[in-house]
Amino acid sequence: MHSVDTKSEIIKILHFKQFYKHYVFNEDGEGGRKKVLKNYIDVNVCIDMMCGDTKNYEI
């Protein structure tokens, strides 16, 4: 059995704002929630890049 040391890294490939009116709930200082109107949603497109030993070992 072979051990493979891999490294994972998340890479952002695209970021934009989608304009859309919607409500979100933010916590206030007393543990309650406050309803707030937002005008946009942040959108991030990411990939999880995993690097490691790619040799094909046969036993």
Protein backbone atom coordinates (compact mmCIF):
# COMPACT_ATOMS: atom_id res chain seq x y z
CA MET A 1 0.00 0.00 0.00
CA HIS A 2 1.33 3.42 -0.92
CA SER A 3 0.69 6.61 0.93
CA VAL A 4 -0.07 9.73 -1.09
CA ASP A 5 0.65 13.19 0.27
CA THR A 6 -1.92 15.56 -1.25
CA LYS A 7 -2.38 19.30 -0.97
CA SER A 8 -5.78 20.91 -1.48
CA GLU A 9 -6.21 24.55 -2.48
CA ILE A 10 -9.39 26.44 -3.37
CA ILE A 11 -8.91 28.75 -6.36
CA LYS A 12 -11.42 31.52 -7.15
CA ILE A 13 -11.91 31.75 -10.91
CA LEU A 14 -14.84 34.17 -11.10
CA HIS A 15 -16.49 36.79 -8.86
CA PHE A 16 -19.49 38.96 -9.66
CA LYS A 17 -22.53 40.58 -8.07
CA GLN A 18 -26.02 39.42 -9.04
CA PHE A 19 -28.44 42.28 -8.44
CA TYR A 20 -31.54 40.94 -6.73
CA LYS A 21 -33.59 42.43 -3.90
CA HIS A 22 -33.97 39.97 -1.03
CA TYR A 23 -34.15 39.90 2.77
CA VAL A 24 -31.49 38.51 5.11
CA PHE A 25 -31.50 38.18 8.88
CA ASN A 26 -28.57 39.65 10.82
CA GLU A 27 -27.99 38.95 14.50
CA ASP A 28 -28.10 41.98 16.76
CA GLY A 29 -26.04 42.38 19.93
CA GLU A 30 -28.71 40.85 22.18
CA GLY A 31 -29.01 37.50 20.41
CA GLY A 32 -32.06 38.51 18.36
CA ARG A 33 -32.36 38.88 14.61
CA LYS A 34 -33.00 41.92 12.45
CA LYS A 35 -34.48 41.70 8.93
CA VAL A 36 -32.45 43.71 6.37
CA LEU A 37 -33.17 44.33 2.68
CA LYS A 38 -30.16 43.60 0.42
CA ASN A 39 -29.89 44.64 -3.23
CA TYR A 40 -27.39 42.08 -4.48
CA ILE A 41 -25.84 38.65 -3.92
CA ASP A 42 -22.07 38.07 -4.13
CA VAL A 43 -21.35 35.08 -6.38
CA ASN A 44 -18.00 33.27 -6.30
CA VAL A 45 -17.09 30.40 -8.62
CA CYS A 46 -14.27 28.31 -7.16
CA ILE A 47 -12.54 25.03 -7.85
CA ASP A 48 -10.93 22.72 -5.32
CA MET A 49 -7.52 21.94 -6.83
CA MET A 50 -5.96 18.83 -5.37
CA CYS A 51 -2.31 18.08 -6.11
CA GLY A 52 -0.47 14.89 -5.30
CA ASP A 53 1.47 11.93 -6.64
CA THR A 54 -0.30 10.75 -9.81
CA LYS A 55 1.93 7.78 -10.63
CA ASN A 56 0.10 4.53 -11.20
CA TYR A 57 1.73 1.97 -8.88
CA GLU A 58 1.12 -1.71 -9.60
CA ILE A 59 1.81 -4.32 -6.96
